[in-house]
Amino acid sequence: MATFKEQTNALFGDVAALIAESKEFDEAFLLGKWLCQHLWKNPCGIYRDDNIENLLFDKLPQLNIKPQRTSTGEIHIATTVYAGGGHTNLMRRYVASRKAQNNIAVLVASPKKHYAEDAFGCNVIRLQSIEQLERISESASLIAAHNRAVLYIHPDDLETALAIKAAKAINPALRVTFVNHSDHVFSVGFSDTDLVAEISGYGWSLRQSRQSEQKSVFVGIPLSEHHLESSTGKQALTAASSYKFKPNGKHSLPKLLAEVLKKSPSFELTVVGAKFLDIWWWPIRLRYRRRTTFLKHMPYTGYLTLLAKCKIYIDSFPVTGGTAFPEALMSDKAVIGISEGMSGYSPADDLKVGFDEFVSHCANLYDNPKQNAQIAARQKCREYLDADQVGDRLNTILASDNPNFTAPEFVAKPQSPVFEYSWQQEGKLLLSFRPWKKLSKTTQKRLLKVLKQVFPKQNFWVYRAQHWLTRL
């Protein structure tokens, strides 16, 4: 009997066949979008497959590509920019490093242009076209006018991936650098990439799966060191998006923190990012309500105020908080996390411990936050991931035809694909809905048939209901 992972891989092949059979480009594109989102949501071990992009590129009608005159030699391309968060901060700092060295252009495909202008502090180009083919043509025309393109695209951004292919056909000298910010999932955009800028050890460990070993260079995530006022606060702080705390089977940070609260009567905890319906936090909420504080969300300035007052910082789990963990360390806070999750983002990961050790180590750190291991890891973070250090590496690799950096020890450590393990344990196929709604009734019916053939025990009732409603 096929495993859940094997079933999902089989589905990938069947949907790719539907794309190949589609006669209309728009319908094939939507199917490709659905498949990319499916692979993004379901980490089944497929991190790259150029076949999707190649199939769609072959179906492209004749495009009206006219490279525009430009005073910039380098263009940075983002699918979208948010008001805040790690993805936006990474782009902002990379762009700032390049702006200091070159005259560059910034293109954002999504309509939220003001976020980008606020983030990058410069004028930002936004696509004016609405129709899919016109958007690809417009984007390709902008890109082909440059010598270098730097991509910060979403894993399902087929529009930009096809525009890059079209631009390279017009301008073969175009060099493309792919910033692998979504390093733990499948992504499009690798097929025409000359260089992959890796930001973490987790992404580095998946180079073989992405067939990018010969193109990858470690650059890293630039970190901010917050100069906070000294504080005698008693709170232990952890902060992340709600989903990052959702337990993975028996691996539960809330359960471990409940044990710490039980072991250490003076321990106080603040959690930022806990929604009211997150049932995994309720045992702590009810039993230790006098020593715990739960906040759904807050502005970044409010978070920094909490960070300044906290005694120790605890990384989220099973999904790491990303930059929040090492930045807390660099801001002179003692930190701790669980080592079984994603790692390789910074030398701060050396301070993480296993499940069996976490409760005792967390209680000890709370009582004795000034430890030599913390000081050593803090210094390493400053040496490798200070914004200036990362900026220098980025500028060096983009100025070279054949850059070669030796990855530091914290990046090169072996990693296990924890997202694959977590997904397989859950055993639930996560579905994409936006592209599905736009598919024709005939294509929806064919896709439903494929889904039922591969997963006969799943009824896909939401898809069926939506398909039925479109027929009314």
Protein backbone atom coordinates (compact mmCIF):
# COMPACT_ATOMS: atom_id res chain seq x y z
CA MET A 1 0.00 0.00 0.00
CA ALA A 2 1.35 3.43 -0.97
CA THR A 3 2.46 5.75 1.83
CA PHE A 4 0.95 9.19 2.30
CA LYS A 5 4.11 10.75 0.85
CA GLU A 6 4.03 8.43 -2.18
CA GLN A 7 0.37 9.26 -2.78
CA THR A 8 1.13 12.98 -2.76
CA ASN A 9 4.04 12.54 -5.15
CA ALA A 10 1.77 10.55 -7.48
CA LEU A 11 -0.75 13.39 -7.39
CA PHE A 12 2.01 15.76 -8.50
CA GLY A 13 2.65 13.66 -11.61
CA ASP A 14 -1.04 13.35 -12.46
CA VAL A 15 -1.68 17.10 -12.22
CA ALA A 16 1.44 17.85 -14.26
CA ALA A 17 -0.10 15.62 -16.96
CA LEU A 18 -3.30 17.71 -16.83
CA ILE A 19 -1.20 20.84 -17.35
CA ALA A 20 0.49 19.27 -20.38
CA GLU A 21 -2.91 18.33 -21.86
CA SER A 22 -4.47 21.79 -21.36
CA LYS A 23 -4.93 23.63 -24.63
CA GLU A 24 -5.59 27.08 -23.14
CA PHE A 25 -2.66 28.86 -21.47
CA ASP A 26 -4.79 30.54 -18.81
CA GLU A 27 -6.28 27.22 -17.69
CA ALA A 28 -2.86 25.55 -17.68
CA PHE A 29 -1.48 28.46 -15.67
CA LEU A 30 -4.20 28.13 -13.02
CA LEU A 31 -3.55 24.40 -12.76
CA GLY A 32 0.16 25.14 -12.37
CA LYS A 33 -0.64 27.70 -9.68
CA TRP A 34 -2.80 25.16 -7.85
CA LEU A 35 -0.04 22.55 -8.05
CA CYS A 36 2.64 24.94 -6.77
CA GLN A 37 0.46 25.95 -3.82
CA HIS A 38 -0.26 22.28 -3.16
CA LEU A 39 3.47 21.49 -3.02
CA TRP A 40 4.09 24.59 -0.91
CA LYS A 41 1.51 23.50 1.67
CA ASN A 42 2.38 19.79 1.61
CA PRO A 43 6.13 19.23 2.17
CA CYS A 44 6.26 15.81 0.51
CA GLY A 45 9.97 15.96 -0.38
CA ILE A 46 9.60 17.81 -3.71
CA TYR A 47 11.42 21.13 -3.40
CA ARG A 48 11.92 21.90 -7.08
CA ASP A 49 10.57 20.69 -10.39
CA ASP A 50 11.34 22.72 -13.51
CA ASN A 51 8.78 20.75 -15.52
CA ILE A 52 5.91 23.00 -14.36
CA GLU A 53 7.62 26.17 -15.59
CA ASN A 54 8.83 24.53 -18.83
CA LEU A 55 5.36 23.20 -19.65
CA LEU A 56 3.80 26.63 -19.18
CA PHE A 57 6.58 28.46 -21.01
CA ASP A 58 6.06 26.21 -24.03
CA LYS A 59 2.34 27.12 -23.99
CA LEU A 60 2.97 30.88 -23.84
CA PRO A 61 1.51 32.76 -26.81
CA GLN A 62 3.74 35.32 -28.54
CA LEU A 63 4.64 38.00 -26.00
CA ASN A 64 5.16 41.65 -26.76
CA ILE A 65 8.47 42.13 -24.92
CA LYS A 66 10.14 45.51 -25.40
CA PRO A 67 13.08 46.10 -23.04
CA GLN A 68 12.72 49.58 -21.59
CA ARG A 69 15.49 52.12 -21.35
CA THR A 70 16.77 52.31 -17.80
CA SER A 71 19.52 53.97 -15.81
CA THR A 72 19.73 50.99 -13.46
CA GLY A 73 21.69 47.81 -14.11
CA GLU A 74 20.14 45.73 -11.36
CA ILE A 75 16.50 44.99 -10.51
CA HIS A 76 15.19 43.44 -7.29
CA ILE A 77 11.85 41.62 -7.65
CA ALA A 78 9.42 40.75 -4.86
CA THR A 79 6.06 39.02 -5.18
CA THR A 80 4.67 41.13 -2.38
CA VAL A 81 5.81 43.22 0.58
CA TYR A 82 4.15 43.23 3.98
CA ALA A 83 3.89 45.89 6.67
CA GLY A 84 6.38 43.92 8.77
CA GLY A 85 7.80 40.48 9.44
CA GLY A 86 11.00 38.58 8.70
CA HIS A 87 10.47 38.28 4.93
CA THR A 88 10.08 42.04 4.52
CA ASN A 89 12.99 42.82 6.85
CA LEU A 90 15.26 40.49 4.89
CA MET A 91 14.38 42.20 1.60
CA ARG A 92 14.71 45.65 3.14
CA ARG A 93 18.23 44.97 4.40
CA TYR A 94 19.40 43.28 1.21
CA VAL A 95 18.07 46.18 -0.87
CA ALA A 96 19.72 48.70 1.47
CA SER A 97 23.07 46.93 1.01
CA ARG A 98 22.77 47.09 -2.77
CA LYS A 99 21.51 50.68 -2.81
CA ALA A 100 24.69 51.75 -1.07
CA GLN A 101 26.75 50.19 -3.87
CA ASN A 102 24.66 50.59 -7.02
CA ASN A 103 21.80 52.38 -8.71
CA ILE A 104 19.08 49.71 -8.52
CA ALA A 105 15.39 49.28 -9.35
CA VAL A 106 12.79 47.54 -7.19
CA LEU A 107 9.77 45.79 -8.73
CA VAL A 108 6.83 44.55 -6.64
CA ALA A 109 4.19 42.46 -8.39
CA SER A 110 1.44 42.90 -5.79
CA PRO A 111 -0.67 46.09 -5.50
CA LYS A 112 0.48 46.91 -1.95
CA LYS A 113 3.05 49.35 -3.23
CA HIS A 114 3.05 51.71 -0.24
CA TYR A 115 4.33 48.93 2.02
CA ALA A 116 7.30 48.50 -0.29
CA GLU A 117 8.08 52.20 -0.46
CA ASP A 118 7.94 52.39 3.34
CA ALA A 119 10.19 49.34 3.66
CA PHE A 120 12.79 50.23 1.03
CA GLY A 121 12.81 54.02 1.32
CA CYS A 122 12.76 54.51 -2.45
CA ASN A 123 10.43 54.63 -5.42
CA VAL A 124 9.09 51.20 -6.31
CA ILE A 125 7.87 49.95 -9.69
CA ARG A 126 4.50 48.23 -9.70
CA LEU A 127 3.08 46.33 -12.66
CA GLN A 128 0.34 48.32 -14.41
CA SER A 129 -1.18 45.46 -16.41
CA ILE A 130 -4.11 43.39 -15.22
CA GLU A 131 -4.35 40.51 -17.73
CA GLN A 132 -2.02 37.59 -17.02
CA LEU A 133 -0.13 37.57 -20.34
CA GLU A 134 0.22 41.35 -20.30
CA ARG A 135 1.67 41.21 -16.79
CA ILE A 136 4.23 38.60 -17.85
CA SER A 137 5.17 40.73 -20.89
CA GLU A 138 5.46 43.92 -18.82
CA SER A 139 7.56 42.21 -16.18
CA ALA A 140 9.82 40.54 -18.77
CA SER A 141 10.34 43.89 -20.53
CA LEU A 142 11.47 45.51 -17.26
CA ILE A 143 13.74 42.62 -16.31
CA ALA A 144 15.37 42.22 -19.75
CA ALA A 145 16.55 45.83 -19.61
CA HIS A 146 18.88 44.96 -16.71
CA ASN A 147 22.09 42.98 -16.38
CA ARG A 148 21.19 41.45 -13.02
CA ALA A 149 17.98 40.39 -11.31
CA VAL A 150 17.61 39.48 -7.61
CA LEU A 151 14.49 37.47 -6.74
CA TYR A 152 12.54 37.42 -3.46
CA ILE A 153 9.52 35.62 -4.90
CA HIS A 154 6.83 33.47 -3.30
CA PRO A 155 7.00 29.69 -3.88
CA ASP A 156 4.02 29.80 -6.28
CA ASP A 157 5.01 32.93 -8.26
CA LEU A 158 4.85 31.37 -11.72
CA GLU A 159 4.23 34.79 -13.24
CA THR A 160 7.70 36.06 -12.30
CA ALA A 161 9.33 32.70 -13.08
CA LEU A 162 7.93 32.82 -16.63
CA ALA A 163 8.90 36.49 -16.99
CA ILE A 164 12.49 35.60 -16.06
CA LYS A 165 12.52 32.88 -18.74
CA ALA A 166 11.20 35.31 -21.33
CA ALA A 167 13.66 38.02 -20.27
CA LYS A 168 16.62 35.64 -20.54
CA ALA A 169 15.52 34.67 -24.04
CA ILE A 170 15.77 38.36 -25.01
CA ASN A 171 18.85 39.15 -22.90
CA PRO A 172 21.01 35.99 -22.47
CA ALA A 173 23.57 38.02 -20.47
CA LEU A 174 21.03 38.53 -17.66
CA ARG A 175 22.31 37.03 -14.39
CA VAL A 176 19.68 35.92 -11.87
CA THR A 177 20.22 35.52 -8.13
CA PHE A 178 17.50 33.69 -6.20
CA VAL A 179 17.26 34.65 -2.51
CA ASN A 180 15.97 31.43 -0.95
CA HIS A 181 13.89 33.02 1.82
CA SER A 182 11.22 30.26 1.77
CA ASP A 183 13.99 27.75 2.26
CA HIS A 184 11.93 24.98 3.89
CA VAL A 185 9.36 24.47 1.11
CA PHE A 186 8.96 23.83 -2.61
CA SER A 187 9.50 26.84 -4.84
CA VAL A 188 9.49 27.86 -8.49
CA GLY A 189 12.18 30.09 -9.98
CA PHE A 190 15.25 27.86 -9.77
CA SER A 191 15.34 26.78 -13.42
CA ASP A 192 16.87 30.02 -14.74
CA THR A 193 18.84 30.96 -11.65
CA ASP A 194 22.59 31.51 -11.89
CA LEU A 195 23.12 31.81 -8.15
CA VAL A 196 21.15 30.81 -5.04
CA ALA A 197 21.68 32.97 -1.95
CA GLU A 198 20.98 30.72 1.03
CA ILE A 199 19.93 32.28 4.32
CA SER A 200 20.04 29.29 6.70
CA GLY A 201 21.41 25.88 7.44
CA TYR A 202 18.01 24.35 6.76
CA GLY A 203 17.99 25.66 3.20
CA TRP A 204 21.65 24.66 2.85
CA SER A 205 20.80 21.08 3.84
CA LEU A 206 18.22 20.85 1.00
CA ARG A 207 20.60 21.86 -1.80
CA GLN A 208 20.83 18.31 -3.13
CA SER A 209 17.04 17.99 -3.22
CA ARG A 210 16.91 21.27 -5.16
CA GLN A 211 19.82 20.35 -7.47
CA SER A 212 21.44 23.63 -6.51
CA GLU A 213 24.67 22.46 -4.86
CA GLN A 214 26.89 24.02 -7.54
CA LYS A 215 25.03 27.35 -7.49
CA SER A 216 24.46 27.93 -3.77
CA VAL A 217 26.35 30.45 -1.63
CA PHE A 218 25.59 31.21 2.01
CA VAL A 219 24.75 34.86 2.66
CA GLY A 220 22.65 34.71 5.82
CA ILE A 221 19.96 36.78 7.50
CA PRO A 222 21.07 40.25 8.59
CA LEU A 223 20.22 40.73 12.25
CA SER A 224 19.36 43.85 14.22
CA GLU A 225 20.93 44.49 17.59
CA HIS A 226 18.44 46.38 19.74
CA HIS A 227 20.01 48.61 22.38
CA LEU A 228 17.48 48.11 25.12
CA GLU A 229 17.34 49.68 28.55
CA SER A 230 18.45 47.34 31.30
CA SER A 231 15.57 45.78 33.20
CA THR A 232 14.87 43.67 36.25
CA GLY A 233 11.71 42.16 34.77
CA LYS A 234 10.59 38.67 35.80
CA GLN A 235 8.86 37.55 32.60
CA ALA A 236 10.07 34.80 30.28
CA LEU A 237 8.98 35.86 26.78
CA THR A 238 8.15 33.92 23.64
CA ALA A 239 6.68 35.50 20.51
CA ALA A 240 5.70 34.24 17.05
CA SER A 241 2.73 33.71 14.75
CA SER A 242 0.08 31.42 16.22
CA TYR A 243 0.76 28.46 13.91
CA LYS A 244 4.43 28.29 14.94
CA PHE A 245 3.41 27.04 18.39
CA LYS A 246 0.92 24.40 17.21
CA PRO A 247 2.19 21.09 18.67
CA ASN A 248 3.54 18.43 16.33
CA GLY A 249 2.22 15.18 17.76
CA LYS A 250 3.85 14.61 21.15
CA HIS A 251 6.27 17.50 20.59
CA SER A 252 4.61 20.38 22.39
CA LEU A 253 6.25 23.56 23.70
CA PRO A 254 3.15 24.48 25.78
CA LYS A 255 3.39 21.15 27.64
CA LEU A 256 7.08 21.71 28.37
CA LEU A 257 6.42 25.24 29.58
CA ALA A 258 3.70 23.87 31.88
CA GLU A 259 6.38 21.63 33.42
CA VAL A 260 8.70 24.63 33.85
CA LEU A 261 5.92 26.58 35.58
CA LYS A 262 5.35 23.61 37.87
CA LYS A 263 9.07 23.13 38.61
CA SER A 264 9.84 26.82 39.21
CA PRO A 265 7.21 28.65 41.36
CA SER A 266 8.76 32.05 40.57
CA PHE A 267 8.66 31.53 36.78
CA GLU A 268 6.40 33.96 34.91
CA LEU A 269 5.55 33.68 31.21
CA THR A 270 4.34 36.03 28.47
CA VAL A 271 3.27 34.60 25.10
CA VAL A 272 2.79 36.89 22.09
CA GLY A 273 0.90 35.37 19.15
CA ALA A 274 -1.54 33.15 21.05
CA LYS A 275 -5.07 33.24 19.65
CA PHE A 276 -8.07 32.60 21.89
CA LEU A 277 -8.94 29.37 20.02
CA ASP A 278 -5.41 27.93 20.23
CA ILE A 279 -6.41 25.02 22.44
CA TRP A 280 -2.80 23.96 23.08
CA TRP A 281 -2.34 26.96 25.39
CA TRP A 282 -5.50 26.47 27.45
CA PRO A 283 -4.11 24.10 30.13
CA ILE A 284 -1.53 26.76 31.01
CA ARG A 285 -4.07 29.58 30.76
CA LEU A 286 -6.34 27.89 33.28
CA ARG A 287 -3.86 26.38 35.72
CA TYR A 288 -1.27 29.18 35.83
CA ARG A 289 -3.39 32.21 35.00
CA ARG A 290 -1.73 34.36 37.68
CA ARG A 291 1.75 33.75 36.28
CA THR A 292 0.99 33.85 32.57
CA THR A 293 0.04 36.55 30.08
CA PHE A 294 -1.26 35.82 26.58
CA LEU A 295 -1.34 38.45 23.84
CA LYS A 296 -2.80 37.86 20.39
CA HIS A 297 -0.56 40.34 18.59
CA MET A 298 1.05 43.75 19.00
CA PRO A 299 3.02 46.34 17.01
CA TYR A 300 6.77 45.86 16.78
CA THR A 301 7.46 48.76 19.14
CA GLY A 302 5.28 47.05 21.75
CA TYR A 303 7.19 43.81 21.26
CA LEU A 304 10.51 45.62 21.81
CA THR A 305 9.13 47.06 25.05
CA LEU A 306 8.31 43.53 26.23
CA LEU A 307 11.73 42.29 25.10
CA ALA A 308 13.46 45.02 27.09
CA LYS A 309 11.59 43.99 30.24
CA CYS A 310 11.90 40.20 29.90
CA LYS A 311 14.35 38.06 31.84
CA ILE A 312 14.85 35.32 29.22
CA TYR A 313 13.60 34.73 25.67
CA ILE A 314 12.25 31.32 24.52
CA ASP A 315 12.14 30.42 20.81
CA SER A 316 8.87 29.20 19.31
CA PHE A 317 8.47 25.51 18.42
CA PRO A 318 8.00 23.40 16.29
CA VAL A 319 8.54 26.29 13.87
CA THR A 320 11.34 28.62 14.87
CA GLY A 321 10.70 32.34 15.26
CA GLY A 322 13.45 33.02 12.70
CA THR A 323 15.27 36.26 13.46
CA ALA A 324 13.52 36.98 16.76
CA PHE A 325 15.60 34.34 18.60
CA PRO A 326 19.13 35.50 17.64
CA GLU A 327 18.15 39.18 17.76
CA ALA A 328 17.01 38.72 21.37
CA LEU A 329 20.43 37.20 22.11
CA MET A 330 22.28 40.04 20.35
CA SER A 331 20.20 42.48 22.38
CA ASP A 332 21.76 41.06 25.57
CA LYS A 333 18.91 38.73 26.53
CA ALA A 334 19.50 35.13 27.60
CA VAL A 335 17.79 32.73 25.19
CA ILE A 336 16.81 29.08 24.95
CA GLY A 337 14.98 26.87 22.46
CA ILE A 338 14.42 23.26 21.40
CA SER A 339 16.99 21.73 19.09
CA GLU A 340 14.71 19.23 17.34
CA GLY A 341 13.12 21.90 15.15
CA MET A 342 14.47 23.88 12.21
CA SER A 343 17.96 25.24 12.81
CA GLY A 344 21.02 26.64 11.13
CA TYR A 345 19.79 30.23 11.12
CA SER A 346 22.47 31.57 13.46
CA PRO A 347 25.05 30.57 16.09
CA ALA A 348 22.27 31.15 18.65
CA ASP A 349 21.05 27.66 17.71
CA ASP A 350 23.96 26.28 19.75
CA LEU A 351 21.99 27.34 22.84
CA LYS A 352 19.03 25.10 22.02
CA VAL A 353 18.59 21.82 23.90
CA GLY A 354 16.69 18.56 23.46
CA PHE A 355 13.19 17.81 24.79
CA ASP A 356 14.49 15.86 27.76
CA GLU A 357 16.78 18.69 28.83
CA PHE A 358 14.54 21.66 28.14
CA VAL A 359 12.63 21.91 31.44
CA SER A 360 15.72 21.83 33.68
CA HIS A 361 17.79 24.08 31.40
CA CYS A 362 14.98 26.61 31.06
CA ALA A 363 14.45 26.81 34.83
CA ASN A 364 18.20 27.11 35.40
CA LEU A 365 18.59 29.86 32.79
CA TYR A 366 15.69 31.77 34.33
CA ASP A 367 17.48 31.74 37.69
CA ASN A 368 20.97 32.34 36.18
CA PRO A 369 20.66 34.23 32.87
CA LYS A 370 24.30 35.41 32.66
CA GLN A 371 26.13 32.30 31.39
CA ASN A 372 29.37 31.96 29.41
CA ALA A 373 27.72 29.97 26.61
CA GLN A 374 25.30 32.83 26.05
CA ILE A 375 28.15 35.35 25.80
CA ALA A 376 30.08 33.18 23.30
CA ALA A 377 27.06 32.60 21.03
CA ARG A 378 26.20 36.31 21.15
CA GLN A 379 29.67 37.22 19.91
CA LYS A 380 29.47 34.69 17.05
CA CYS A 381 26.12 36.15 15.94
CA ARG A 382 27.70 39.58 15.80
CA GLU A 383 30.65 38.24 13.78
CA TYR A 384 28.60 36.35 11.15
CA LEU A 385 25.20 38.03 10.94
CA ASP A 386 25.63 41.67 11.76
CA ALA A 387 23.87 43.62 8.97
CA ASP A 388 27.19 44.98 7.68
CA GLN A 389 28.75 41.50 7.52
CA VAL A 390 25.79 40.08 5.56
CA GLY A 391 25.77 43.13 3.30
CA ASP A 392 29.46 42.67 2.49
CA ARG A 393 28.89 39.00 1.56
CA LEU A 394 25.91 39.91 -0.62
CA ASN A 395 27.86 42.61 -2.45
CA THR A 396 30.82 40.28 -2.97
CA ILE A 397 28.79 37.45 -4.50
CA LEU A 398 26.83 39.76 -6.79
CA ALA A 399 30.06 41.34 -8.04
CA SER A 400 31.65 37.97 -8.87
CA ASP A 401 30.96 35.51 -11.69
CA ASN A 402 32.08 32.59 -9.53
CA PRO A 403 31.75 33.41 -5.81
CA ASN A 404 32.90 30.79 -3.35
CA PHE A 405 32.36 31.14 0.39
CA THR A 406 32.88 28.33 2.85
CA ALA A 407 29.68 27.93 4.85
CA PRO A 408 30.24 28.53 8.59
CA GLU A 409 29.93 25.63 11.01
CA PHE A 410 26.42 26.51 12.23
CA VAL A 411 25.18 26.33 8.62
CA ALA A 412 26.99 23.17 7.50
CA LYS A 413 25.70 20.97 10.35
CA PRO A 414 23.52 18.03 9.17
CA GLN A 415 19.79 18.72 9.32
CA SER A 416 16.76 16.45 9.32
CA PRO A 417 13.73 17.53 7.22
CA VAL A 418 11.51 18.29 10.21
CA PHE A 419 8.72 19.80 8.10
CA GLU A 420 8.41 16.58 6.11
CA TYR A 421 8.27 14.54 9.31
CA SER A 422 5.68 16.81 10.88
CA TRP A 423 3.48 16.76 7.77
CA GLN A 424 3.65 12.96 7.45
CA GLN A 425 2.75 12.51 11.13
CA GLU A 426 -0.30 14.72 10.68
CA GLY A 427 -1.33 12.69 7.63
CA LYS A 428 -3.60 15.40 6.27
CA LEU A 429 -3.60 16.71 2.70
CA LEU A 430 -3.76 20.52 2.82
CA LEU A 431 -5.72 22.00 -0.09
CA SER A 432 -5.42 25.23 -2.09
CA PHE A 433 -8.59 27.16 -2.88
CA ARG A 434 -7.80 30.40 -4.72
CA PRO A 435 -6.68 28.90 -8.05
CA TRP A 436 -9.33 26.15 -7.73
CA LYS A 437 -12.19 28.69 -7.73
CA LYS A 438 -11.00 30.17 -11.04
CA LEU A 439 -10.68 26.86 -12.90
CA SER A 440 -13.32 25.92 -15.45
CA LYS A 441 -16.01 23.43 -14.41
CA THR A 442 -14.51 20.83 -16.77
CA THR A 443 -11.01 21.21 -15.28
CA GLN A 444 -12.38 21.15 -11.73
CA LYS A 445 -14.13 17.88 -12.54
CA ARG A 446 -10.94 16.36 -13.98
CA LEU A 447 -8.89 17.49 -10.99
CA LEU A 448 -11.45 16.08 -8.56
CA LYS A 449 -11.28 12.76 -10.39
CA VAL A 450 -7.49 12.70 -10.04
CA LEU A 451 -7.70 13.57 -6.34
CA LYS A 452 -10.19 10.77 -5.68
CA GLN A 453 -8.09 8.25 -7.58
CA VAL A 454 -4.98 9.06 -5.55
CA PHE A 455 -6.77 9.58 -2.21
CA PRO A 456 -9.87 7.32 -2.36
CA LYS A 457 -10.54 7.63 1.39
CA GLN A 458 -10.77 11.44 1.37
CA ASN A 459 -14.04 12.97 0.18
CA PHE A 460 -12.85 16.54 -0.66
CA TRP A 461 -16.29 17.82 0.29
CA VAL A 462 -15.30 21.53 0.10
CA TYR A 463 -14.04 21.10 -3.45
CA ARG A 464 -17.15 19.14 -4.36
CA ALA A 465 -19.44 21.78 -2.88
CA GLN A 466 -17.68 24.61 -4.72
CA HIS A 467 -17.75 22.63 -7.98
CA TRP A 468 -21.49 22.00 -7.56
CA LEU A 469 -22.21 25.67 -6.78
CA THR A 470 -20.47 26.84 -9.98
CA ARG A 471 -22.96 24.75 -11.95
CA LEU A 472 -26.02 26.54 -10.57
